[in-house]
Amino acid sequence: MGELIDKVKGNVNEAIGKAKQAIADKDPATRTEKDAKLEAEGAGQELKGKAQQVAGSVKGAFGNKI
């Protein structure tokens, strides 16, 4: 069960991270510090999601014993 939960949480975090990155203004002429922060936050959240998915896969391989 932990495997599925980790994978779902990972997918959600990855999607939210990608959305934050897409929302951030990338145009150098109008980009603000807030846009840079949002993009960095999104990248971090996307990585967190990928790590959660890997953790879920590992739990699945070991039968949730870890």
N, C-alpha and C. Protein backbone atom coordinates (compact mmCIF):
# COMPACT_ATOMS: atom_id res chain seq x y z
N MET A 1 0.82 -1.19 0.00
CA MET A 1 0.00 0.00 0.00
C MET A 1 0.87 1.25 0.00
N GLY A 2 1.97 1.23 0.73
CA GLY A 2 2.87 2.38 0.79
C GLY A 2 3.45 2.71 -0.57
N GLU A 3 3.64 1.68 -1.37
CA GLU A 3 4.16 1.87 -2.73
C GLU A 3 3.23 2.77 -3.53
N LEU A 4 1.95 2.45 -3.51
CA LEU A 4 0.96 3.20 -4.28
C LEU A 4 0.86 4.64 -3.78
N ILE A 5 0.86 4.82 -2.47
CA ILE A 5 0.76 6.16 -1.88
C ILE A 5 1.95 7.01 -2.30
N ASP A 6 3.15 6.46 -2.23
CA ASP A 6 4.35 7.20 -2.62
C ASP A 6 4.30 7.58 -4.10
N LYS A 7 3.86 6.66 -4.93
CA LYS A 7 3.80 6.94 -6.36
C LYS A 7 2.77 8.03 -6.67
N VAL A 8 1.62 7.98 -6.00
CA VAL A 8 0.59 9.01 -6.23
C VAL A 8 1.09 10.37 -5.75
N LYS A 9 1.67 10.41 -4.55
CA LYS A 9 2.22 11.66 -4.04
C LYS A 9 3.30 12.20 -4.98
N GLY A 10 4.11 11.29 -5.49
CA GLY A 10 5.16 11.69 -6.42
C GLY A 10 4.60 12.28 -7.70
N ASN A 11 3.57 11.66 -8.23
CA ASN A 11 2.95 12.19 -9.45
C ASN A 11 2.34 13.56 -9.22
N VAL A 12 1.69 13.75 -8.07
CA VAL A 12 1.08 15.03 -7.75
C VAL A 12 2.15 16.11 -7.60
N ASN A 13 3.21 15.82 -6.85
CA ASN A 13 4.27 16.80 -6.66
C ASN A 13 4.96 17.14 -7.97
N GLU A 14 5.17 16.15 -8.80
CA GLU A 14 5.81 16.39 -10.09
C GLU A 14 4.93 17.29 -10.97
N ALA A 15 3.64 17.03 -10.99
CA ALA A 15 2.72 17.83 -11.81
C ALA A 15 2.64 19.27 -11.30
N ILE A 16 2.56 19.44 -9.98
CA ILE A 16 2.50 20.79 -9.42
C ILE A 16 3.80 21.53 -9.71
N GLY A 17 4.92 20.85 -9.59
CA GLY A 17 6.22 21.46 -9.88
C GLY A 17 6.32 21.93 -11.33
N LYS A 18 5.85 21.10 -12.24
CA LYS A 18 5.87 21.47 -13.66
C LYS A 18 4.95 22.65 -13.91
N ALA A 19 3.81 22.68 -13.24
CA ALA A 19 2.87 23.79 -13.41
C ALA A 19 3.47 25.10 -12.90
N LYS A 20 4.13 25.06 -11.77
CA LYS A 20 4.77 26.26 -11.22
C LYS A 20 5.83 26.79 -12.18
N GLN A 21 6.59 25.88 -12.77
CA GLN A 21 7.62 26.30 -13.72
C GLN A 21 7.00 26.92 -14.96
N ALA A 22 5.87 26.38 -15.39
CA ALA A 22 5.20 26.90 -16.58
C ALA A 22 4.58 28.27 -16.32
N ILE A 23 4.11 28.50 -15.10
CA ILE A 23 3.48 29.77 -14.75
C ILE A 23 4.50 30.90 -14.68
N ALA A 24 5.71 30.59 -14.23
CA ALA A 24 6.74 31.61 -14.05
C ALA A 24 7.06 32.28 -15.39
N ASP A 25 7.14 33.61 -15.36
CA ASP A 25 7.47 34.39 -16.56
C ASP A 25 8.93 34.18 -16.91
N LYS A 26 9.20 33.78 -18.14
CA LYS A 26 10.57 33.50 -18.56
C LYS A 26 11.17 34.63 -19.41
N ASP A 27 10.37 35.62 -19.74
CA ASP A 27 10.83 36.75 -20.55
C ASP A 27 11.75 37.64 -19.71
N PRO A 28 13.03 37.75 -20.09
CA PRO A 28 13.98 38.54 -19.28
C PRO A 28 13.55 40.00 -19.09
N ALA A 29 12.79 40.55 -20.02
CA ALA A 29 12.39 41.95 -19.93
C ALA A 29 11.34 42.17 -18.83
N THR A 30 10.54 41.16 -18.55
CA THR A 30 9.46 41.32 -17.57
C THR A 30 9.58 40.38 -16.37
N ARG A 31 10.61 39.57 -16.35
CA ARG A 31 10.79 38.59 -15.28
C ARG A 31 11.09 39.29 -13.96
N THR A 32 10.44 38.85 -12.91
CA THR A 32 10.66 39.42 -11.59
C THR A 32 11.34 38.39 -10.69
N GLU A 33 11.72 38.85 -9.52
CA GLU A 33 12.32 37.94 -8.54
C GLU A 33 11.32 36.87 -8.12
N LYS A 34 10.05 37.24 -8.08
CA LYS A 34 8.99 36.30 -7.73
C LYS A 34 8.90 35.17 -8.76
N ASP A 35 9.07 35.51 -10.05
CA ASP A 35 9.05 34.49 -11.11
C ASP A 35 10.22 33.53 -10.95
N ALA A 36 11.40 34.07 -10.64
CA ALA A 36 12.57 33.22 -10.46
C ALA A 36 12.38 32.27 -9.28
N LYS A 37 11.80 32.80 -8.20
CA LYS A 37 11.55 31.98 -7.01
C LYS A 37 10.53 30.89 -7.31
N LEU A 38 9.47 31.24 -8.04
CA LEU A 38 8.44 30.27 -8.38
C LEU A 38 9.00 29.16 -9.27
N GLU A 39 9.84 29.54 -10.22
CA GLU A 39 10.44 28.54 -11.11
C GLU A 39 11.36 27.60 -10.33
N ALA A 40 12.16 28.15 -9.44
CA ALA A 40 13.07 27.32 -8.64
C ALA A 40 12.28 26.41 -7.70
N GLU A 41 11.22 26.94 -7.11
CA GLU A 41 10.37 26.15 -6.22
C GLU A 41 9.72 25.00 -7.00
N GLY A 42 9.29 25.29 -8.22
CA GLY A 42 8.68 24.27 -9.06
C GLY A 42 9.66 23.17 -9.42
N ALA A 43 10.89 23.58 -9.73
CA ALA A 43 11.91 22.58 -10.08
C ALA A 43 12.21 21.67 -8.89
N GLY A 44 12.27 22.26 -7.70
CA GLY A 44 12.51 21.47 -6.50
C GLY A 44 11.37 20.51 -6.22
N GLN A 45 10.15 20.99 -6.41
CA GLN A 45 8.98 20.14 -6.15
C GLN A 45 8.90 19.01 -7.17
N GLU A 46 9.29 19.31 -8.40
CA GLU A 46 9.29 18.26 -9.43
C GLU A 46 10.30 17.16 -9.06
N LEU A 47 11.48 17.57 -8.60
CA LEU A 47 12.49 16.59 -8.18
C LEU A 47 12.00 15.77 -6.98
N LYS A 48 11.33 16.44 -6.05
CA LYS A 48 10.78 15.74 -4.89
C LYS A 48 9.79 14.67 -5.35
N GLY A 49 8.97 15.02 -6.33
CA GLY A 49 8.00 14.06 -6.86
C GLY A 49 8.66 12.86 -7.50
N LYS A 50 9.72 13.13 -8.25
CA LYS A 50 10.45 12.02 -8.88
C LYS A 50 11.06 11.11 -7.82
N ALA A 51 11.59 11.71 -6.75
CA ALA A 51 12.18 10.91 -5.68
C ALA A 51 11.12 10.07 -4.97
N GLN A 52 9.93 10.64 -4.78
CA GLN A 52 8.85 9.88 -4.15
C GLN A 52 8.44 8.69 -5.02
N GLN A 53 8.43 8.89 -6.31
CA GLN A 53 8.07 7.79 -7.22
C GLN A 53 9.11 6.67 -7.14
N VAL A 54 10.38 7.05 -7.07
CA VAL A 54 11.44 6.05 -6.94
C VAL A 54 11.30 5.31 -5.61
N ALA A 55 11.01 6.05 -4.55
CA ALA A 55 10.82 5.42 -3.24
C ALA A 55 9.67 4.41 -3.30
N GLY A 56 8.61 4.77 -3.99
CA GLY A 56 7.48 3.85 -4.14
C GLY A 56 7.87 2.60 -4.90
N SER A 57 8.67 2.77 -5.93
CA SER A 57 9.12 1.62 -6.71
C SER A 57 10.00 0.70 -5.88
N VAL A 58 10.86 1.29 -5.06
CA VAL A 58 11.74 0.50 -4.21
C VAL A 58 10.91 -0.27 -3.18
N LYS A 59 9.92 0.43 -2.59
CA LYS A 59 9.05 -0.26 -1.63
C LYS A 59 8.33 -1.43 -2.30
N GLY A 60 7.90 -1.22 -3.52
CA GLY A 60 7.23 -2.30 -4.25
C GLY A 60 8.14 -3.47 -4.50
N ALA A 61 9.41 -3.18 -4.82
CA ALA A 61 10.35 -4.25 -5.10
C ALA A 61 10.68 -5.05 -3.84
N PHE A 62 10.65 -4.39 -2.67
CA PHE A 62 10.97 -5.07 -1.43
C PHE A 62 9.72 -5.47 -0.64
N GLY A 63 8.56 -5.29 -1.24
CA GLY A 63 7.33 -5.70 -0.57
C GLY A 63 6.97 -4.85 0.63
N ASN A 64 7.24 -3.55 0.56
CA ASN A 64 6.91 -2.60 1.63
C ASN A 64 7.59 -2.92 2.96
N LYS A 65 8.69 -3.66 2.92
CA LYS A 65 9.39 -4.03 4.16
C LYS A 65 10.38 -2.96 4.61
N ILE A 66 10.55 -1.93 3.81
CA ILE A 66 11.49 -0.87 4.20
C ILE A 66 10.76 0.35 4.65
